[in-house]
Amino acid sequence: MEPIEKVIDERVQGKALTTEHKDGNTKKLFIESYGCQMNMNDSEIVASILSDQGFNTTQILEEADLVLVNTCSIREKAETTVRKRLQKYNRVKKESNKNMKVGVLGCMAERLKEKFLEEEKIVDLVVGPDAYRDIPNLLEEIDAGRDAVNVILSKDETYGDVSPVRLNSNGVSAFVSITRGCDNMCTFCVVPFTRGRERSRDPKSIIEEIRSMVDKNFKEITLLGQNVDSYLWYGGGLKKDFKKASELAQETAVEFAELLDMCATEFPKTRFRFSTSNPQDMSLDVIHVMAKHKNVCKYLHLPVQSGSNAMLKAMNRQHTREEYMELVDNIFKIVPEMSLSQDMIVGFCGETEQDHQDTLDLLRYVKYDFGFMFTYSERPGTLAAKKMVDDVPEPVKKRRLQELIDLQQEHALYRTQQHLGKTEEFLIEGTSKKDPNQWKARNTQNTVAVFEKGNYKLGDFVMVKIEDCTSATLKGIVVGYSDNN
């Protein structure tokens, strides 16, 4: 199995997006993304907006007219990595491309605002997550010798009418954003301050974007949001203003279970996933939709953050340990084959050894297929940073993290072993990193398998008999195509 630490690190690694070319465009854009899939999707939106302004993307930093880094503020490591990248951009600018413009997008831009421009003077423009449409105007501001910053948060921006340029795709899987922002004020999290309040996207525009992906032969769509379960379309605007909407708007509102059912019904040959879920908003209606449709993947990322009620309260999570466990029980009753993954924060403010043991106990109860675990790092601007003391010593955090990792790896192996001897449907999504003669594919539970390529090709749905496994990967032989091709 890949070490859990590596899996975690890949979530904050930068990804220079692949080249996109539009005839007639003469300027070159280099864009790099850090953090969550929402950031990756946002970069595709930015590339689309700038494509209409004469920019094609490039993977060669030195030739770029405009360099943008789409940033993450979720952890200190991500911000440190971005600062190092900005230093590199500026060296290139100084040494070989003096006309290059450098900009920061996303959550760090929103959090640090003018500091990048005025104090550190390492970027030319700063653009928050709701201001990407303003980038062309900001570039004009730079040319005129003025500061270029727009970090205003919006009440209604969803970029629903922007068709993203698919820059970092394998041609098989694509991401479609359905919500923006977050109303859950977890004390450790900076997202509500960097991405604003929650609002949802018109379901018609979501269906249209999915149709355009299906027409381009994409086989799998992931619906994205900071909290997809909280999706609520009532004509536009912030979710918190729903109660102020007209009676008709409230009666005809579309919730996430309905949207998911709509997508799965409209595109029966397309696989659907969604991320991220929040336990407090997870409706069993969604789980019933997952059970109803074969093409809705039986995988759920259900972050819990801690197994201790004391920690959950300190984190302002709107669920208890017992409520979470009851939810998990109900999920498995409705969809016995469901695969679950978690996010866990180790060493949050005031965490005792008993709190840590409660978390280990919760892991033993659920036996997650996958896990993403982190030691707590204080984020400026959050309630925890303002009112709580980061009092768990670093060596204790690291020891507790390792104990969680070790237990998660045991459970991951237990879960992959449940597939042995079975024949399951997999979607081929790329070549194996370890063997160019093997395909890498993924089943409905989000588990990866590798097998000999044979005559099969990228994007095929195939039936694979599982013969061996590690705690991260299944190994098998293809017995034929599935009926989903």
Protein backbone atom coordinates (compact mmCIF):
# COMPACT_ATOMS: atom_id res chain seq x y z
CA MET A 1 0.00 0.00 0.00
CA GLU A 2 1.08 3.56 -0.63
CA PRO A 3 1.78 5.12 2.75
CA ILE A 4 -1.17 7.16 3.99
CA GLU A 5 1.21 10.10 4.40
CA LYS A 6 1.90 10.00 0.65
CA VAL A 7 -1.79 9.92 -0.16
CA ILE A 8 -2.26 12.94 2.06
CA ASP A 9 0.64 14.82 0.52
CA GLU A 10 -0.74 14.37 -2.99
CA ARG A 11 -3.75 16.42 -1.95
CA VAL A 12 -1.57 19.51 -1.54
CA GLN A 13 0.96 18.88 -4.30
CA GLY A 14 1.00 21.32 -7.18
CA LYS A 15 -0.27 20.17 -10.53
CA ALA A 16 0.79 22.06 -13.63
CA LEU A 17 -2.21 21.59 -15.86
CA THR A 18 -1.83 20.09 -19.30
CA THR A 19 -1.64 22.09 -22.49
CA GLU A 20 -4.78 23.41 -24.17
CA HIS A 21 -4.68 25.11 -27.58
CA LYS A 22 -7.18 27.42 -29.27
CA ASP A 23 -6.44 28.63 -32.77
CA GLY A 24 -5.70 32.35 -32.93
CA ASN A 25 -4.55 32.68 -29.31
CA THR A 26 -1.02 34.05 -29.03
CA LYS A 27 -0.45 34.55 -25.30
CA LYS A 28 0.65 31.75 -22.97
CA LEU A 29 -0.70 30.85 -19.54
CA PHE A 30 1.05 28.60 -17.02
CA ILE A 31 -1.33 27.60 -14.24
CA GLU A 32 -0.57 25.39 -11.25
CA SER A 33 -3.06 24.11 -8.66
CA TYR A 34 -2.72 23.06 -5.05
CA GLY A 35 -5.19 21.50 -2.65
CA CYS A 36 -8.61 20.05 -3.23
CA GLN A 37 -10.38 19.05 -6.45
CA MET A 38 -12.41 22.26 -6.18
CA ASN A 39 -9.17 24.15 -6.82
CA MET A 40 -8.37 21.95 -9.81
CA ASN A 41 -11.83 22.64 -11.21
CA ASP A 42 -11.47 26.37 -10.52
CA SER A 43 -8.24 26.38 -12.53
CA GLU A 44 -10.14 24.90 -15.47
CA ILE A 45 -12.69 27.72 -15.13
CA VAL A 46 -9.88 30.32 -15.11
CA ALA A 47 -8.29 28.73 -18.20
CA SER A 48 -11.64 28.95 -19.96
CA ILE A 49 -12.09 32.63 -19.08
CA LEU A 50 -8.55 33.45 -20.23
CA SER A 51 -8.89 31.37 -23.39
CA ASP A 52 -11.45 33.95 -24.51
CA GLN A 53 -8.79 36.62 -23.80
CA GLY A 54 -6.19 35.11 -26.16
CA PHE A 55 -4.37 32.72 -23.80
CA ASN A 56 -3.41 29.13 -24.51
CA THR A 57 -1.99 27.07 -21.66
CA THR A 58 1.60 25.88 -21.58
CA GLN A 59 3.60 23.51 -19.41
CA ILE A 60 6.80 25.47 -20.00
CA LEU A 61 7.11 28.03 -17.22
CA GLU A 62 9.83 30.08 -18.92
CA GLU A 63 7.70 30.91 -21.97
CA ALA A 64 4.60 32.01 -20.07
CA ASP A 65 3.19 35.53 -20.34
CA LEU A 66 1.07 34.90 -17.27
CA VAL A 67 1.80 32.52 -14.38
CA LEU A 68 -1.01 31.74 -11.94
CA VAL A 69 -0.91 29.56 -8.85
CA ASN A 70 -4.24 28.42 -7.46
CA THR A 71 -3.72 28.09 -3.74
CA CYS A 72 -4.91 26.23 -0.67
CA SER A 73 -5.05 27.51 2.92
CA ILE A 74 -6.28 24.34 4.57
CA ARG A 75 -2.89 23.52 6.12
CA GLU A 76 0.35 25.34 6.79
CA LYS A 77 2.32 22.94 4.59
CA ALA A 78 0.29 23.92 1.54
CA GLU A 79 0.95 27.63 2.11
CA THR A 80 4.68 27.04 2.65
CA THR A 81 4.88 25.07 -0.60
CA VAL A 82 3.12 27.83 -2.53
CA ARG A 83 5.49 30.50 -1.20
CA LYS A 84 8.45 28.45 -2.43
CA ARG A 85 6.84 28.19 -5.85
CA LEU A 86 6.27 31.94 -5.97
CA GLN A 87 9.96 32.48 -5.24
CA LYS A 88 10.81 30.23 -8.19
CA TYR A 89 8.42 32.10 -10.49
CA ASN A 90 10.06 35.37 -9.55
CA ARG A 91 13.56 34.01 -10.21
CA VAL A 92 12.44 32.98 -13.69
CA LYS A 93 10.82 36.36 -14.19
CA LYS A 94 13.97 38.19 -13.11
CA GLU A 95 16.41 36.04 -15.05
CA SER A 96 14.69 35.19 -18.32
CA ASN A 97 11.23 36.72 -18.78
CA LYS A 98 10.90 40.23 -17.36
CA ASN A 99 7.46 40.74 -18.93
CA MET A 100 5.96 37.74 -17.16
CA LYS A 101 3.08 38.51 -14.82
CA VAL A 102 2.63 36.40 -11.68
CA GLY A 103 -0.65 35.99 -9.82
CA VAL A 104 -2.12 34.18 -6.84
CA LEU A 105 -5.63 32.73 -7.04
CA GLY A 106 -7.91 31.03 -4.57
CA CYS A 107 -7.92 30.61 -0.82
CA MET A 108 -4.48 32.05 0.02
CA ALA A 109 -5.31 35.07 -2.12
CA GLU A 110 -8.50 35.62 -0.16
CA ARG A 111 -6.76 35.15 3.19
CA LEU A 112 -3.62 37.24 2.61
CA LYS A 113 -5.04 39.81 0.20
CA GLU A 114 -2.83 42.88 -0.26
CA LYS A 115 0.05 41.39 1.76
CA PHE A 116 1.28 39.61 -1.37
CA LEU A 117 1.22 42.86 -3.33
CA GLU A 118 2.31 45.48 -0.82
CA GLU A 119 4.49 43.80 1.82
CA GLU A 120 6.16 40.94 0.02
CA LYS A 121 5.89 42.33 -3.53
CA ILE A 122 6.15 38.86 -5.04
CA VAL A 123 3.05 38.90 -7.22
CA ASP A 124 1.36 41.25 -9.66
CA LEU A 125 -2.24 40.26 -9.04
CA VAL A 126 -4.31 38.65 -6.28
CA VAL A 127 -7.66 37.09 -7.12
CA GLY A 128 -10.11 35.45 -4.73
CA PRO A 129 -12.28 32.43 -5.60
CA ASP A 130 -15.32 34.51 -6.57
CA ALA A 131 -13.47 37.03 -8.76
CA TYR A 132 -12.06 34.96 -11.63
CA ARG A 133 -14.22 36.76 -14.20
CA ASP A 134 -12.39 39.95 -13.24
CA ILE A 135 -8.92 38.65 -14.22
CA PRO A 136 -8.96 40.33 -17.70
CA ASN A 137 -9.71 43.69 -16.04
CA LEU A 138 -7.01 43.11 -13.43
CA LEU A 139 -4.44 42.44 -16.14
CA GLU A 140 -5.32 45.86 -17.59
CA GLU A 141 -4.80 47.39 -14.14
CA ILE A 142 -1.28 45.92 -14.04
CA ASP A 143 -0.50 47.37 -17.48
CA ALA A 144 -1.68 50.74 -16.20
CA GLY A 145 0.69 50.49 -13.22
CA ARG A 146 -1.98 49.95 -10.60
CA ASP A 147 -2.40 47.25 -7.97
CA ALA A 148 -4.53 44.40 -9.18
CA VAL A 149 -6.53 42.77 -6.40
CA ASN A 150 -10.07 41.48 -6.17
CA VAL A 151 -10.94 39.24 -3.25
CA ILE A 152 -14.59 40.23 -2.88
CA LEU A 153 -16.79 37.28 -1.94
CA SER A 154 -20.02 36.87 -3.87
CA LYS A 155 -23.55 35.91 -2.87
CA ASP A 156 -24.41 34.32 -6.21
CA GLU A 157 -21.29 33.51 -8.26
CA THR A 158 -21.25 29.84 -9.30
CA TYR A 159 -19.58 30.13 -12.76
CA GLY A 160 -22.53 28.07 -13.98
CA ASP A 161 -22.31 29.56 -17.49
CA VAL A 162 -18.55 28.97 -17.87
CA SER A 163 -17.61 25.77 -19.67
CA PRO A 164 -14.35 24.67 -18.00
CA VAL A 165 -11.37 23.75 -20.15
CA ARG A 166 -10.50 20.17 -19.12
CA LEU A 167 -6.80 20.63 -18.48
CA ASN A 168 -5.89 17.97 -15.98
CA SER A 169 -8.10 15.13 -17.16
CA ASN A 170 -7.34 11.62 -18.33
CA GLY A 171 -10.17 11.94 -20.85
CA VAL A 172 -12.22 9.46 -18.81
CA SER A 173 -13.12 11.28 -15.56
CA ALA A 174 -14.22 14.89 -15.11
CA PHE A 175 -15.27 17.14 -12.22
CA VAL A 176 -18.37 19.34 -12.17
CA SER A 177 -18.85 21.88 -9.37
CA ILE A 178 -22.39 22.08 -7.98
CA THR A 179 -21.91 24.30 -4.91
CA ARG A 180 -19.49 26.98 -3.76
CA GLY A 181 -18.67 28.17 -0.26
CA CYS A 182 -19.54 26.67 3.10
CA ASP A 183 -21.82 27.59 5.99
CA ASN A 184 -20.35 25.13 8.49
CA MET A 185 -18.20 27.17 10.82
CA CYS A 186 -15.85 24.42 12.03
CA THR A 187 -13.41 26.10 14.41
CA PHE A 188 -10.32 24.64 12.68
CA CYS A 189 -11.31 25.56 9.13
CA VAL A 190 -10.60 28.65 7.08
CA VAL A 191 -12.82 27.74 4.10
CA PRO A 192 -15.91 29.83 5.07
CA PHE A 193 -13.65 32.89 5.27
CA THR A 194 -11.80 32.21 1.99
CA ARG A 195 -14.66 30.86 -0.14
CA GLY A 196 -17.63 32.62 1.40
CA ARG A 197 -21.16 31.52 2.20
CA GLU A 198 -22.80 28.55 0.58
CA ARG A 199 -24.72 28.79 -2.68
CA SER A 200 -25.78 26.23 -5.22
CA ARG A 201 -25.73 26.07 -8.99
CA ASP A 202 -28.72 25.83 -11.31
CA PRO A 203 -29.39 22.12 -11.98
CA LYS A 204 -30.03 22.86 -15.66
CA SER A 205 -26.51 24.23 -16.08
CA ILE A 206 -25.12 21.19 -14.24
CA ILE A 207 -26.97 18.79 -16.57
CA GLU A 208 -25.79 20.79 -19.60
CA GLU A 209 -22.15 20.62 -18.50
CA ILE A 210 -22.43 16.88 -17.85
CA ARG A 211 -24.00 16.38 -21.29
CA SER A 212 -21.09 18.20 -22.91
CA MET A 213 -18.70 15.86 -21.08
CA VAL A 214 -20.67 12.76 -22.10
CA ASP A 215 -20.65 14.00 -25.71
CA LYS A 216 -16.85 14.13 -25.44
CA ASN A 217 -16.86 10.49 -24.26
CA PHE A 218 -16.13 11.07 -20.59
CA LYS A 219 -17.29 8.03 -18.64
CA GLU A 220 -17.27 9.25 -15.03
CA ILE A 221 -18.38 12.53 -13.45
CA THR A 222 -17.65 13.66 -9.89
CA LEU A 223 -20.03 16.29 -8.49
CA LEU A 224 -17.99 18.69 -6.37
CA GLY A 225 -18.64 21.05 -3.51
CA GLN A 226 -17.29 21.95 -0.09
CA ASN A 227 -20.43 20.20 1.14
CA VAL A 228 -22.44 18.57 -1.66
CA ASP A 229 -25.12 17.17 0.66
CA SER A 230 -26.14 20.72 1.46
CA TYR A 231 -26.96 21.46 -2.21
CA LEU A 232 -30.17 23.49 -2.47
CA TRP A 233 -31.32 25.27 -5.63
CA TYR A 234 -34.30 27.55 -5.22
CA GLY A 235 -33.57 30.02 -8.00
CA GLY A 236 -30.22 31.39 -6.87
CA GLY A 237 -28.70 33.13 -3.88
CA LEU A 238 -27.24 32.06 -0.57
CA LYS A 239 -28.56 28.96 1.11
CA LYS A 240 -29.01 30.87 4.37
CA ASP A 241 -31.58 33.08 2.60
CA PHE A 242 -33.76 30.13 1.55
CA LYS A 243 -36.36 30.89 4.23
CA LYS A 244 -36.82 34.35 2.72
CA ALA A 245 -37.64 32.91 -0.72
CA SER A 246 -41.17 32.85 -2.09
CA GLU A 247 -43.49 29.97 -1.26
CA LEU A 248 -43.28 28.75 -4.86
CA ALA A 249 -39.46 28.87 -4.82
CA GLN A 250 -39.38 26.84 -1.62
CA GLU A 251 -41.87 24.26 -2.91
CA THR A 252 -39.98 23.73 -6.18
CA ALA A 253 -36.49 23.74 -4.66
CA VAL A 254 -34.09 20.96 -5.68
CA GLU A 255 -32.06 19.19 -2.98
CA PHE A 256 -28.99 17.00 -3.50
CA ALA A 257 -30.79 13.64 -3.54
CA GLU A 258 -33.02 14.94 -6.34
CA LEU A 259 -30.08 16.33 -8.29
CA LEU A 260 -28.17 13.05 -7.99
CA ASP A 261 -31.23 11.08 -9.09
CA MET A 262 -31.69 13.46 -12.01
CA CYS A 263 -28.08 13.04 -13.17
CA ALA A 264 -28.07 9.25 -12.84
CA THR A 265 -31.38 8.92 -14.69
CA GLU A 266 -30.42 11.30 -17.50
CA PHE A 267 -27.06 9.60 -18.13
CA PRO A 268 -27.48 5.88 -17.30
CA LYS A 269 -24.18 4.85 -18.91
CA THR A 270 -22.15 7.45 -16.99
CA ARG A 271 -20.70 6.78 -13.57
CA PHE A 272 -21.33 9.38 -10.87
CA ARG A 273 -19.37 10.14 -7.72
CA PHE A 274 -19.62 13.11 -5.37
CA SER A 275 -17.44 14.84 -2.79
CA THR A 276 -17.27 16.12 -0.11
CA SER A 277 -20.04 15.08 2.26
CA ASN A 278 -20.72 16.35 5.76
CA PRO A 279 -22.28 13.98 8.32
CA GLN A 280 -24.63 16.61 9.69
CA ASP A 281 -26.16 17.22 6.25
CA MET A 282 -26.05 13.67 4.88
CA SER A 283 -29.62 12.60 4.15
CA LEU A 284 -30.54 8.93 3.90
CA ASP A 285 -32.48 9.99 0.79
CA VAL A 286 -29.07 10.32 -0.88
CA ILE A 287 -28.10 6.81 0.21
CA HIS A 288 -31.37 5.45 -1.20
CA VAL A 289 -30.57 7.14 -4.54
CA MET A 290 -27.14 5.47 -4.44
CA ALA A 291 -28.85 2.10 -3.87
CA LYS A 292 -31.36 2.77 -6.67
CA HIS A 293 -28.86 3.49 -9.44
CA LYS A 294 -26.13 1.12 -10.55
CA ASN A 295 -24.25 4.05 -12.09
CA VAL A 296 -23.97 5.98 -8.80
CA CYS A 297 -20.74 4.70 -7.27
CA LYS A 298 -20.93 2.95 -3.93
CA TYR A 299 -18.29 5.13 -2.34
CA LEU A 300 -18.76 7.87 0.22
CA HIS A 301 -16.17 10.26 1.63
CA LEU A 302 -17.62 11.05 5.06
CA PRO A 303 -15.20 13.19 7.11
CA VAL A 304 -15.57 12.78 10.87
CA GLN A 305 -12.43 14.65 12.10
CA SER A 306 -12.47 12.98 15.56
CA GLY A 307 -14.04 10.09 17.42
CA SER A 308 -14.31 12.11 20.63
CA ASN A 309 -17.46 14.04 21.53
CA ALA A 310 -15.36 16.57 23.43
CA MET A 311 -13.24 17.23 20.34
CA LEU A 312 -16.26 17.30 18.02
CA LYS A 313 -17.82 19.96 20.24
CA ALA A 314 -14.58 21.96 20.35
CA MET A 315 -14.40 21.73 16.55
CA ASN A 316 -18.03 22.93 16.28
CA ARG A 317 -18.96 19.80 14.34
CA GLN A 318 -22.75 19.55 14.36
CA HIS A 319 -22.83 15.82 15.08
CA THR A 320 -21.85 13.57 17.93
CA ARG A 321 -19.86 10.35 17.84
CA GLU A 322 -23.07 8.37 18.42
CA GLU A 323 -24.95 10.16 15.62
CA TYR A 324 -22.11 9.47 13.23
CA MET A 325 -22.03 5.79 14.15
CA GLU A 326 -25.80 5.55 13.69
CA LEU A 327 -25.46 7.17 10.27
CA VAL A 328 -22.78 4.65 9.30
CA ASP A 329 -25.00 1.78 10.50
CA ASN A 330 -27.89 3.05 8.36
CA ILE A 331 -25.64 3.50 5.32
CA PHE A 332 -24.48 -0.10 5.50
CA LYS A 333 -28.07 -1.31 5.97
CA ILE A 334 -29.16 0.45 2.78
CA VAL A 335 -25.98 -0.21 0.75
CA PRO A 336 -24.09 -3.14 2.32
CA GLU A 337 -21.27 -2.91 -0.24
CA MET A 338 -20.61 0.80 0.48
CA SER A 339 -16.99 1.93 0.72
CA LEU A 340 -16.26 4.69 3.24
CA SER A 341 -13.33 7.06 3.70
CA GLN A 342 -12.57 9.63 6.37
CA ASP A 343 -10.73 12.82 7.21
CA MET A 344 -9.22 12.91 10.70
CA ILE A 345 -7.46 15.70 12.59
CA VAL A 346 -4.97 14.54 15.21
CA GLY A 347 -3.89 16.68 18.15
CA PHE A 348 -6.57 19.37 18.01
CA CYS A 349 -6.62 21.91 20.84
CA GLY A 350 -7.06 20.18 24.20
CA GLU A 351 -7.06 16.63 22.81
CA THR A 352 -6.39 14.17 25.64
CA GLU A 353 -5.14 10.61 25.42
CA GLN A 354 -8.72 9.43 26.03
CA ASP A 355 -9.95 11.58 23.13
CA HIS A 356 -7.33 9.91 20.96
CA GLN A 357 -8.40 6.45 22.13
CA ASP A 358 -12.00 7.35 21.26
CA THR A 359 -10.84 8.14 17.72
CA LEU A 360 -9.01 4.83 17.41
CA ASP A 361 -12.15 3.10 18.70
CA LEU A 362 -14.27 4.80 16.04
CA LEU A 363 -11.85 3.62 13.35
CA ARG A 364 -12.21 0.05 14.63
CA TYR A 365 -15.99 0.41 14.55
CA VAL A 366 -16.22 1.64 10.95
CA LYS A 367 -13.14 0.01 9.39
CA TYR A 368 -12.77 2.63 6.66
CA ASP A 369 -11.53 1.63 3.21
CA PHE A 370 -9.42 4.79 2.92
CA GLY A 371 -8.27 7.53 5.25
CA PHE A 372 -6.80 11.03 5.09
CA MET A 373 -5.22 11.96 8.42
CA PHE A 374 -3.39 15.09 9.49
CA THR A 375 -1.85 16.61 12.56
CA TYR A 376 -3.59 19.84 13.52
CA SER A 377 -1.96 23.04 12.32
CA GLU A 378 -3.37 26.36 13.43
CA ARG A 379 -4.84 28.44 10.59
CA PRO A 380 -4.88 32.23 11.11
CA GLY A 381 -8.36 33.72 11.07
CA THR A 382 -10.16 30.65 12.38
CA LEU A 383 -12.03 30.58 15.69
CA ALA A 384 -9.57 27.99 17.02
CA ALA A 385 -6.65 30.32 16.30
CA LYS A 386 -8.42 33.22 18.03
CA LYS A 387 -9.82 31.49 21.10
CA MET A 388 -8.08 28.15 21.64
CA VAL A 389 -4.59 27.03 22.58
CA ASP A 390 -2.69 24.65 20.31
CA ASP A 391 -1.45 22.75 23.35
CA VAL A 392 -0.73 19.20 22.17
CA PRO A 393 3.07 18.79 21.84
CA GLU A 394 4.32 18.00 18.34
CA PRO A 395 5.91 14.65 19.32
CA VAL A 396 2.56 13.57 20.82
CA LYS A 397 0.73 14.62 17.63
CA LYS A 398 3.14 12.61 15.50
CA ARG A 399 2.86 9.53 17.68
CA ARG A 400 -0.94 9.67 17.65
CA LEU A 401 -0.97 10.20 13.89
CA GLN A 402 1.23 7.15 13.36
CA GLU A 403 -1.10 5.05 15.49
CA LEU A 404 -4.05 6.13 13.34
CA ILE A 405 -2.11 5.45 10.15
CA ASP A 406 -1.11 1.97 11.30
CA LEU A 407 -4.69 1.09 12.21
CA GLN A 408 -6.06 2.54 8.98
CA GLN A 409 -3.63 0.44 6.96
CA GLU A 410 -4.86 -2.68 8.76
CA HIS A 411 -8.45 -1.81 7.87
CA ALA A 412 -7.54 -0.94 4.28
CA LEU A 413 -6.05 -4.43 3.84
CA TYR A 414 -9.12 -5.98 5.47
CA ARG A 415 -11.35 -4.13 2.99
CA THR A 416 -9.34 -5.01 -0.13
CA GLN A 417 -9.28 -8.67 0.95
CA GLN A 418 -13.09 -8.69 0.76
CA HIS A 419 -12.76 -8.42 -3.04
CA LEU A 420 -10.62 -11.55 -3.44
CA GLY A 421 -12.20 -14.16 -5.69
CA LYS A 422 -14.90 -11.80 -6.92
CA THR A 423 -15.44 -10.58 -10.49
CA GLU A 424 -16.23 -6.86 -10.55
CA GLU A 425 -16.69 -4.04 -13.03
CA PHE A 426 -13.79 -1.59 -13.40
CA LEU A 427 -13.35 1.55 -15.48
CA ILE A 428 -9.92 1.82 -17.11
CA GLU A 429 -8.54 5.27 -16.32
CA GLY A 430 -4.82 5.12 -17.08
CA THR A 431 -1.59 3.18 -17.25
CA SER A 432 -0.20 1.68 -14.06
CA LYS A 433 2.62 3.79 -12.59
CA LYS A 434 4.66 0.69 -11.83
CA ASP A 435 4.17 -1.29 -15.07
CA PRO A 436 3.54 0.30 -18.50
CA ASN A 437 2.07 -3.01 -19.69
CA GLN A 438 -0.73 -2.83 -17.16
CA TRP A 439 -3.85 -0.72 -16.91
CA LYS A 440 -5.01 1.02 -13.76
CA ALA A 441 -8.77 0.91 -13.23
CA ARG A 442 -11.27 1.72 -10.50
CA ASN A 443 -14.40 -0.06 -9.31
CA THR A 444 -17.59 1.41 -7.91
CA GLN A 445 -16.10 1.42 -4.39
CA ASN A 446 -13.21 3.61 -5.58
CA THR A 447 -10.68 0.76 -5.16
CA VAL A 448 -7.90 0.58 -7.74
CA ALA A 449 -6.99 -2.59 -9.63
CA VAL A 450 -4.13 -3.30 -12.03
CA PHE A 451 -4.12 -5.93 -14.78
CA GLU A 452 -2.52 -6.72 -18.14
CA LYS A 453 -3.57 -4.33 -20.91
CA GLY A 454 -4.35 -6.95 -23.56
CA ASN A 455 -6.56 -5.46 -26.28
CA TYR A 456 -8.49 -3.22 -23.90
CA LYS A 457 -8.28 0.56 -24.06
CA LEU A 458 -8.60 3.68 -21.94
CA GLY A 459 -12.23 4.33 -20.97
CA ASP A 460 -13.40 0.74 -21.31
CA PHE A 461 -15.63 -0.82 -18.66
CA VAL A 462 -14.25 -4.30 -18.03
CA MET A 463 -14.99 -7.24 -15.75
CA VAL A 464 -11.97 -8.21 -13.65
CA LYS A 465 -11.54 -11.31 -11.52
CA ILE A 466 -9.60 -10.33 -8.38
CA GLU A 467 -6.80 -12.79 -7.57
CA ASP A 468 -4.53 -10.87 -5.19
CA CYS A 469 -4.32 -7.58 -3.30
CA THR A 470 -2.27 -5.23 -1.18
CA SER A 471 -3.89 -2.81 1.26
CA ALA A 472 -4.21 -0.26 -1.55
CA THR A 473 -4.44 -2.17 -4.83
CA LEU A 474 -6.32 -5.13 -6.27
CA LYS A 475 -4.66 -7.41 -8.83
CA GLY A 476 -6.54 -9.52 -11.31
CA ILE A 477 -7.27 -10.66 -14.85
CA VAL A 478 -9.83 -9.27 -17.27
CA VAL A 479 -12.54 -11.76 -18.20
CA GLY A 480 -14.32 -9.49 -20.70
CA TYR A 481 -16.20 -6.25 -21.23
CA SER A 482 -18.99 -5.21 -18.90
CA ASP A 483 -22.45 -4.45 -20.28
CA ASN A 484 -21.88 -0.74 -19.68
CA ASN A 485 -19.79 -0.04 -22.80
